[in-house]
Amino acid sequence: STDGLSEAVHAAISHRLAQIAPATDPAVKVKV
């Protein structure tokens, strides 16, 4: 069951992007 895994990966990548702080925030797309 892959329920919630996409959201968890999206949240982890978004959190790391917030730590890196790129000049333009990229859109995050996750496929499981």
PDB file of all heavy atoms in Angstrom:
ATOM      1  N   SER A   1       0.850  -1.188   0.000  1.00  0.00           N
ATOM      2  CA  SER A   1       0.000   0.000   0.000  1.00  0.00           C
ATOM      3  C   SER A   1       0.889   1.243   0.000  1.00  0.00           C
ATOM      4  O   SER A   1       1.763   1.392   0.851  1.00  0.00           O
ATOM      5  CB  SER A   1      -0.892   0.002   1.237  1.00  0.00           C
ATOM      6  OG  SER A   1      -1.599   1.203   1.325  1.00  0.00           O
ATOM      7  N   THR A   2       0.639   2.120  -0.944  1.00  0.00           N
ATOM      8  CA  THR A   2       1.451   3.333  -1.056  1.00  0.00           C
ATOM      9  C   THR A   2       0.717   4.562  -0.528  1.00  0.00           C
ATOM     10  O   THR A   2       1.111   5.681  -0.832  1.00  0.00           O
ATOM     11  CB  THR A   2       1.852   3.570  -2.524  1.00  0.00           C
ATOM     12  OG1 THR A   2       0.661   3.728  -3.298  1.00  0.00           O
ATOM     13  CG2 THR A   2       2.680   2.432  -3.058  1.00  0.00           C
ATOM     14  N   ASP A   3      -0.326   4.347   0.259  1.00  0.00           N
ATOM     15  CA  ASP A   3      -1.111   5.467   0.782  1.00  0.00           C
ATOM     16  C   ASP A   3      -0.247   6.368   1.658  1.00  0.00           C
ATOM     17  O   ASP A   3       0.409   5.914   2.585  1.00  0.00           O
ATOM     18  CB  ASP A   3      -2.302   4.959   1.600  1.00  0.00           C
ATOM     19  CG  ASP A   3      -3.284   4.169   0.753  1.00  0.00           C
ATOM     20  OD1 ASP A   3      -3.278   4.389  -0.470  1.00  0.00           O
ATOM     21  OD2 ASP A   3      -4.014   3.329   1.304  1.00  0.00           O
ATOM     22  N   GLY A   4      -0.239   7.635   1.351  1.00  0.00           N
ATOM     23  CA  GLY A   4       0.464   8.632   2.156  1.00  0.00           C
ATOM     24  C   GLY A   4       1.952   8.749   1.878  1.00  0.00           C
ATOM     25  O   GLY A   4       2.603   9.672   2.377  1.00  0.00           O
ATOM     26  N   LEU A   5       2.517   7.826   1.101  1.00  0.00           N
ATOM     27  CA  LEU A   5       3.958   7.876   0.841  1.00  0.00           C
ATOM     28  C   LEU A   5       4.318   9.067  -0.042  1.00  0.00           C
ATOM     29  O   LEU A   5       5.317   9.741   0.188  1.00  0.00           O
ATOM     30  CB  LEU A   5       4.426   6.570   0.196  1.00  0.00           C
ATOM     31  CG  LEU A   5       5.930   6.406   0.039  1.00  0.00           C
ATOM     32  CD1 LEU A   5       6.621   6.471   1.398  1.00  0.00           C
ATOM     33  CD2 LEU A   5       6.270   5.117  -0.655  1.00  0.00           C
ATOM     34  N   SER A   6       3.485   9.349  -1.035  1.00  0.00           N
ATOM     35  CA  SER A   6       3.746  10.485  -1.916  1.00  0.00           C
ATOM     36  C   SER A   6       3.753  11.792  -1.135  1.00  0.00           C
ATOM     37  O   SER A   6       4.639  12.634  -1.339  1.00  0.00           O
ATOM     38  CB  SER A   6       2.685  10.530  -3.016  1.00  0.00           C
ATOM     39  OG  SER A   6       2.853  11.657  -3.821  1.00  0.00           O
ATOM     40  N   GLU A   7       2.801  11.944  -0.224  1.00  0.00           N
ATOM     41  CA  GLU A   7       2.730  13.161   0.584  1.00  0.00           C
ATOM     42  C   GLU A   7       3.922  13.269   1.524  1.00  0.00           C
ATOM     43  O   GLU A   7       4.462  14.354   1.745  1.00  0.00           O
ATOM     44  CB  GLU A   7       1.426  13.203   1.391  1.00  0.00           C
ATOM     45  CG  GLU A   7       0.186  13.392   0.542  1.00  0.00           C
ATOM     46  CD  GLU A   7      -0.299  12.094  -0.098  1.00  0.00           C
ATOM     47  OE1 GLU A   7       0.145  10.993   0.318  1.00  0.00           O
ATOM     48  OE2 GLU A   7      -1.101  12.183  -1.038  1.00  0.00           O
ATOM     49  N   ALA A   8       4.378  12.133   2.080  1.00  0.00           N
ATOM     50  CA  ALA A   8       5.525  12.148   2.990  1.00  0.00           C
ATOM     51  C   ALA A   8       6.806  12.532   2.249  1.00  0.00           C
ATOM     52  O   ALA A   8       7.617  13.319   2.752  1.00  0.00           O
ATOM     53  CB  ALA A   8       5.687  10.788   3.660  1.00  0.00           C
ATOM     54  N   VAL A   9       6.986  12.004   1.052  1.00  0.00           N
ATOM     55  CA  VAL A   9       8.168  12.345   0.251  1.00  0.00           C
ATOM     56  C   VAL A   9       8.091  13.817  -0.163  1.00  0.00           C
ATOM     57  O   VAL A   9       9.096  14.539  -0.104  1.00  0.00           O
ATOM     58  CB  VAL A   9       8.281  11.414  -0.973  1.00  0.00           C
ATOM     59  CG1 VAL A   9       9.369  11.894  -1.917  1.00  0.00           C
ATOM     60  CG2 VAL A   9       8.557   9.995  -0.534  1.00  0.00           C
ATOM     61  N   HIS A  10       6.913  14.266  -0.568  1.00  0.00           N
ATOM     62  CA  HIS A  10       6.724  15.675  -0.938  1.00  0.00           C
ATOM     63  C   HIS A  10       7.064  16.583   0.239  1.00  0.00           C
ATOM     64  O   HIS A  10       7.750  17.604   0.073  1.00  0.00           O
ATOM     65  CB  HIS A  10       5.281  15.902  -1.392  1.00  0.00           C
ATOM     66  CG  HIS A  10       5.026  17.245  -1.968  1.00  0.00           C
ATOM     67  ND1 HIS A  10       4.860  18.369  -1.187  1.00  0.00           N
ATOM     68  CD2 HIS A  10       4.920  17.668  -3.259  1.00  0.00           C
ATOM     69  CE1 HIS A  10       4.653  19.405  -1.960  1.00  0.00           C
ATOM     70  NE2 HIS A  10       4.687  19.009  -3.229  1.00  0.00           N
ATOM     71  N   ALA A  11       6.613  16.221   1.434  1.00  0.00           N
ATOM     72  CA  ALA A  11       6.896  17.030   2.625  1.00  0.00           C
ATOM     73  C   ALA A  11       8.392  17.033   2.941  1.00  0.00           C
ATOM     74  O   ALA A  11       8.950  18.073   3.308  1.00  0.00           O
ATOM     75  CB  ALA A  11       6.105  16.510   3.816  1.00  0.00           C
ATOM     76  N   ALA A  12       9.062  15.883   2.799  1.00  0.00           N
ATOM     77  CA  ALA A  12      10.499  15.813   3.077  1.00  0.00           C
ATOM     78  C   ALA A  12      11.301  16.664   2.102  1.00  0.00           C
ATOM     79  O   ALA A  12      12.219  17.388   2.495  1.00  0.00           O
ATOM     80  CB  ALA A  12      10.975  14.359   3.031  1.00  0.00           C
ATOM     81  N   ILE A  13      10.944  16.599   0.823  1.00  0.00           N
ATOM     82  CA  ILE A  13      11.651  17.404  -0.176  1.00  0.00           C
ATOM     83  C   ILE A  13      11.367  18.886   0.041  1.00  0.00           C
ATOM     84  O   ILE A  13      12.280  19.723  -0.040  1.00  0.00           O
ATOM     85  CB  ILE A  13      11.267  16.954  -1.595  1.00  0.00           C
ATOM     86  CG1 ILE A  13      11.825  15.549  -1.869  1.00  0.00           C
ATOM     87  CG2 ILE A  13      11.775  17.928  -2.642  1.00  0.00           C
ATOM     88  CD1 ILE A  13      11.389  14.955  -3.191  1.00  0.00           C
ATOM     89  N   SER A  14      10.122  19.231   0.342  1.00  0.00           N
ATOM     90  CA  SER A  14       9.776  20.635   0.583  1.00  0.00           C
ATOM     91  C   SER A  14      10.486  21.181   1.811  1.00  0.00           C
ATOM     92  O   SER A  14      10.944  22.330   1.819  1.00  0.00           O
ATOM     93  CB  SER A  14       8.263  20.779   0.752  1.00  0.00           C
ATOM     94  OG  SER A  14       7.609  20.414  -0.425  1.00  0.00           O
ATOM     95  N   HIS A  15      10.613  20.358   2.854  1.00  0.00           N
ATOM     96  CA  HIS A  15      11.330  20.788   4.065  1.00  0.00           C
ATOM     97  C   HIS A  15      12.809  21.038   3.750  1.00  0.00           C
ATOM     98  O   HIS A  15      13.389  22.041   4.181  1.00  0.00           O
ATOM     99  CB  HIS A  15      11.178  19.734   5.160  1.00  0.00           C
ATOM    100  CG  HIS A  15      11.917  20.065   6.410  1.00  0.00           C
ATOM    101  ND1 HIS A  15      11.533  21.081   7.250  1.00  0.00           N
ATOM    102  CD2 HIS A  15      13.041  19.531   6.950  1.00  0.00           C
ATOM    103  CE1 HIS A  15      12.377  21.150   8.268  1.00  0.00           C
ATOM    104  NE2 HIS A  15      13.304  20.208   8.103  1.00  0.00           N
ATOM    105  N   ARG A  16      13.408  20.141   2.966  1.00  0.00           N
ATOM    106  CA  ARG A  16      14.818  20.317   2.609  1.00  0.00           C
ATOM    107  C   ARG A  16      14.994  21.541   1.717  1.00  0.00           C
ATOM    108  O   ARG A  16      15.970  22.266   1.841  1.00  0.00           O
ATOM    109  CB  ARG A  16      15.334  19.068   1.908  1.00  0.00           C
ATOM    110  CG  ARG A  16      16.822  19.066   1.620  1.00  0.00           C
ATOM    111  CD  ARG A  16      17.699  19.124   2.875  1.00  0.00           C
ATOM    112  NE  ARG A  16      17.440  18.086   3.813  1.00  0.00           N
ATOM    113  CZ  ARG A  16      18.080  16.918   3.892  1.00  0.00           C
ATOM    114  NH1 ARG A  16      19.055  16.670   3.061  1.00  0.00           N
ATOM    115  NH2 ARG A  16      17.768  16.034   4.798  1.00  0.00           N
ATOM    116  N   LEU A  17      14.051  21.788   0.822  1.00  0.00           N
ATOM    117  CA  LEU A  17      14.115  22.993  -0.011  1.00  0.00           C
ATOM    118  C   LEU A  17      14.025  24.251   0.840  1.00  0.00           C
ATOM    119  O   LEU A  17      14.698  25.247   0.557  1.00  0.00           O
ATOM    120  CB  LEU A  17      12.995  22.993  -1.055  1.00  0.00           C
ATOM    121  CG  LEU A  17      13.235  22.132  -2.289  1.00  0.00           C
ATOM    122  CD1 LEU A  17      11.965  22.031  -3.114  1.00  0.00           C
ATOM    123  CD2 LEU A  17      14.370  22.682  -3.116  1.00  0.00           C
ATOM    124  N   ALA A  18      13.215  24.211   1.875  1.00  0.00           N
ATOM    125  CA  ALA A  18      13.116  25.368   2.772  1.00  0.00           C
ATOM    126  C   ALA A  18      14.434  25.596   3.499  1.00  0.00           C
ATOM    127  O   ALA A  18      14.821  26.740   3.762  1.00  0.00           O
ATOM    128  CB  ALA A  18      11.983  25.163   3.774  1.00  0.00           C
ATOM    129  N   GLN A  19      15.145  24.517   3.827  1.00  0.00           N
ATOM    130  CA  GLN A  19      16.457  24.649   4.479  1.00  0.00           C
ATOM    131  C   GLN A  19      17.501  25.198   3.515  1.00  0.00           C
ATOM    132  O   GLN A  19      18.334  26.017   3.893  1.00  0.00           O
ATOM    133  CB  GLN A  19      16.923  23.294   5.017  1.00  0.00           C
ATOM    134  CG  GLN A  19      16.120  22.789   6.182  1.00  0.00           C
ATOM    135  CD  GLN A  19      16.537  21.387   6.592  1.00  0.00           C
ATOM    136  OE1 GLN A  19      17.110  20.635   5.802  1.00  0.00           O
ATOM    137  NE2 GLN A  19      16.242  21.031   7.834  1.00  0.00           N
ATOM    138  N   ILE A  20      17.458  24.748   2.256  1.00  0.00           N
ATOM    139  CA  ILE A  20      18.428  25.201   1.251  1.00  0.00           C
ATOM    140  C   ILE A  20      18.159  26.646   0.861  1.00  0.00           C
ATOM    141  O   ILE A  20      19.078  27.421   0.656  1.00  0.00           O
ATOM    142  CB  ILE A  20      18.382  24.287   0.010  1.00  0.00           C
ATOM    143  CG1 ILE A  20      18.812  22.876   0.372  1.00  0.00           C
ATOM    144  CG2 ILE A  20      19.256  24.837  -1.103  1.00  0.00           C
ATOM    145  CD1 ILE A  20      18.595  21.875  -0.741  1.00  0.00           C
ATOM    146  N   ALA A  21      16.906  27.013   0.740  1.00  0.00           N
ATOM    147  CA  ALA A  21      16.452  28.357   0.362  1.00  0.00           C
ATOM    148  C   ALA A  21      16.944  28.774  -1.018  1.00  0.00           C
ATOM    149  O   ALA A  21      17.732  29.704  -1.167  1.00  0.00           O
ATOM    150  CB  ALA A  21      16.859  29.386   1.406  1.00  0.00           C
ATOM    151  N   PRO A  22      16.441  28.096  -2.078  1.00  0.00           N
ATOM    152  CA  PRO A  22      16.813  28.531  -3.427  1.00  0.00           C
ATOM    153  C   PRO A  22      16.173  29.870  -3.760  1.00  0.00           C
ATOM    154  O   PRO A  22      15.178  30.269  -3.150  1.00  0.00           O
ATOM    155  CB  PRO A  22      16.253  27.415  -4.315  1.00  0.00           C
ATOM    156  CG  PRO A  22      15.173  26.787  -3.519  1.00  0.00           C
ATOM    157  CD  PRO A  22      15.549  26.946  -2.084  1.00  0.00           C
ATOM    158  N   ALA A  23      16.752  30.568  -4.722  1.00  0.00           N
ATOM    159  CA  ALA A  23      16.242  31.887  -5.104  1.00  0.00           C
ATOM    160  C   ALA A  23      14.816  31.805  -5.635  1.00  0.00           C
ATOM    161  O   ALA A  23      13.999  32.662  -5.359  1.00  0.00           O
ATOM    162  CB  ALA A  23      17.157  32.521  -6.147  1.00  0.00           C
ATOM    163  N   THR A  24      14.510  30.767  -6.410  1.00  0.00           N
ATOM    164  CA  THR A  24      13.140  30.533  -6.866  1.00  0.00           C
ATOM    165  C   THR A  24      12.713  29.175  -6.347  1.00  0.00           C
ATOM    166  O   THR A  24      13.424  28.184  -6.528  1.00  0.00           O
ATOM    167  CB  THR A  24      13.048  30.541  -8.404  1.00  0.00           C
ATOM    168  OG1 THR A  24      13.945  29.564  -8.925  1.00  0.00           O
ATOM    169  CG2 THR A  24      13.383  31.895  -8.978  1.00  0.00           C
ATOM    170  N   ASP A  25      11.558  29.138  -5.690  1.00  0.00           N
ATOM    171  CA  ASP A  25      11.070  27.872  -5.142  1.00  0.00           C
ATOM    172  C   ASP A  25      10.519  27.003  -6.263  1.00  0.00           C
ATOM    173  O   ASP A  25       9.552  27.386  -6.931  1.00  0.00           O
ATOM    174  CB  ASP A  25       9.972  28.128  -4.099  1.00  0.00           C
ATOM    175  CG  ASP A  25      10.531  28.748  -2.834  1.00  0.00           C
ATOM    176  OD1 ASP A  25      11.682  28.416  -2.477  1.00  0.00           O
ATOM    177  OD2 ASP A  25       9.824  29.540  -2.202  1.00  0.00           O
ATOM    178  N   PRO A  26      11.109  25.825  -6.475  1.00  0.00           N
ATOM    179  CA  PRO A  26      10.617  24.954  -7.541  1.00  0.00           C
ATOM    180  C   PRO A  26       9.365  24.195  -7.095  1.00  0.00           C
ATOM    181  O   PRO A  26       9.156  23.958  -5.909  1.00  0.00           O
ATOM    182  CB  PRO A  26      11.784  23.993  -7.776  1.00  0.00           C
ATOM    183  CG  PRO A  26      12.497  23.939  -6.476  1.00  0.00           C
ATOM    184  CD  PRO A  26      12.320  25.303  -5.854  1.00  0.00           C
ATOM    185  N   ALA A  27       8.552  23.821  -8.059  1.00  0.00           N
ATOM    186  CA  ALA A  27       7.399  22.974  -7.784  1.00  0.00           C
ATOM    187  C   ALA A  27       7.900  21.548  -7.585  1.00  0.00           C
ATOM    188  O   ALA A  27       8.822  21.101  -8.270  1.00  0.00           O
ATOM    189  CB  ALA A  27       6.417  23.030  -8.940  1.00  0.00           C
ATOM    190  N   VAL A  28       7.304  20.850  -6.642  1.00  0.00           N
ATOM    191  CA  VAL A  28       7.725  19.481  -6.333  1.00  0.00           C
ATOM    192  C   VAL A  28       6.662  18.517  -6.841  1.00  0.00           C
ATOM    193  O   VAL A  28       5.476  18.675  -6.569  1.00  0.00           O
ATOM    194  CB  VAL A  28       7.920  19.291  -4.809  1.00  0.00           C
ATOM    195  CG1 VAL A  28       8.322  17.862  -4.501  1.00  0.00           C
ATOM    196  CG2 VAL A  28       8.958  20.265  -4.289  1.00  0.00           C
ATOM    197  N   LYS A  29       7.105  17.522  -7.598  1.00  0.00           N
ATOM    198  CA  LYS A  29       6.214  16.512  -8.165  1.00  0.00           C
ATOM    199  C   LYS A  29       6.765  15.142  -7.778  1.00  0.00           C
ATOM    200  O   LYS A  29       7.951  14.868  -7.986  1.00  0.00           O
ATOM    201  CB  LYS A  29       6.167  16.669  -9.683  1.00  0.00           C
ATOM    202  CG  LYS A  29       5.245  15.720 -10.380  1.00  0.00           C
ATOM    203  CD  LYS A  29       5.278  15.986 -11.873  1.00  0.00           C
ATOM    204  CE  LYS A  29       4.449  14.963 -12.615  1.00  0.00           C
ATOM    205  NZ  LYS A  29       4.567  15.133 -14.068  1.00  0.00           N
ATOM    206  N   VAL A  30       5.919  14.291  -7.210  1.00  0.00           N
ATOM    207  CA  VAL A  30       6.356  12.981  -6.731  1.00  0.00           C
ATOM    208  C   VAL A  30       5.492  11.900  -7.374  1.00  0.00           C
ATOM    209  O   VAL A  30       4.268  12.006  -7.395  1.00  0.00           O
ATOM    210  CB  VAL A  30       6.246  12.891  -5.191  1.00  0.00           C
ATOM    211  CG1 VAL A  30       6.662  11.513  -4.702  1.00  0.00           C
ATOM    212  CG2 VAL A  30       7.081  13.963  -4.525  1.00  0.00           C
ATOM    213  N   LYS A  31       6.147  10.877  -7.900  1.00  0.00           N
ATOM    214  CA  LYS A  31       5.466   9.685  -8.407  1.00  0.00           C
ATOM    215  C   LYS A  31       5.976   8.484  -7.614  1.00  0.00           C
ATOM    216  O   LYS A  31       7.182   8.342  -7.412  1.00  0.00           O
ATOM    217  CB  LYS A  31       5.760   9.463  -9.888  1.00  0.00           C
ATOM    218  CG  LYS A  31       5.092  10.434 -10.804  1.00  0.00           C
ATOM    219  CD  LYS A  31       5.345  10.054 -12.248  1.00  0.00           C
ATOM    220  CE  LYS A  31       4.672  11.036 -13.178  1.00  0.00           C
ATOM    221  NZ  LYS A  31       4.920  10.710 -14.578  1.00  0.00           N
ATOM    222  N   VAL A  32       5.057   7.643  -7.183  1.00  0.00           N
ATOM    223  CA  VAL A  32       5.414   6.474  -6.381  1.00  0.00           C
ATOM    224  C   VAL A  32       5.140   5.218  -7.212  1.00  0.00           C
ATOM    225  O   VAL A  32       4.079   5.083  -7.810  1.00  0.00           O
ATOM    226  CB  VAL A  32       4.608   6.431  -5.073  1.00  0.00           C
ATOM    227  CG1 VAL A  32       4.943   5.182  -4.283  1.00  0.00           C
ATOM    228  CG2 VAL A  32       4.877   7.679  -4.240  1.00  0.00           C
TER     229      VAL A  32
END
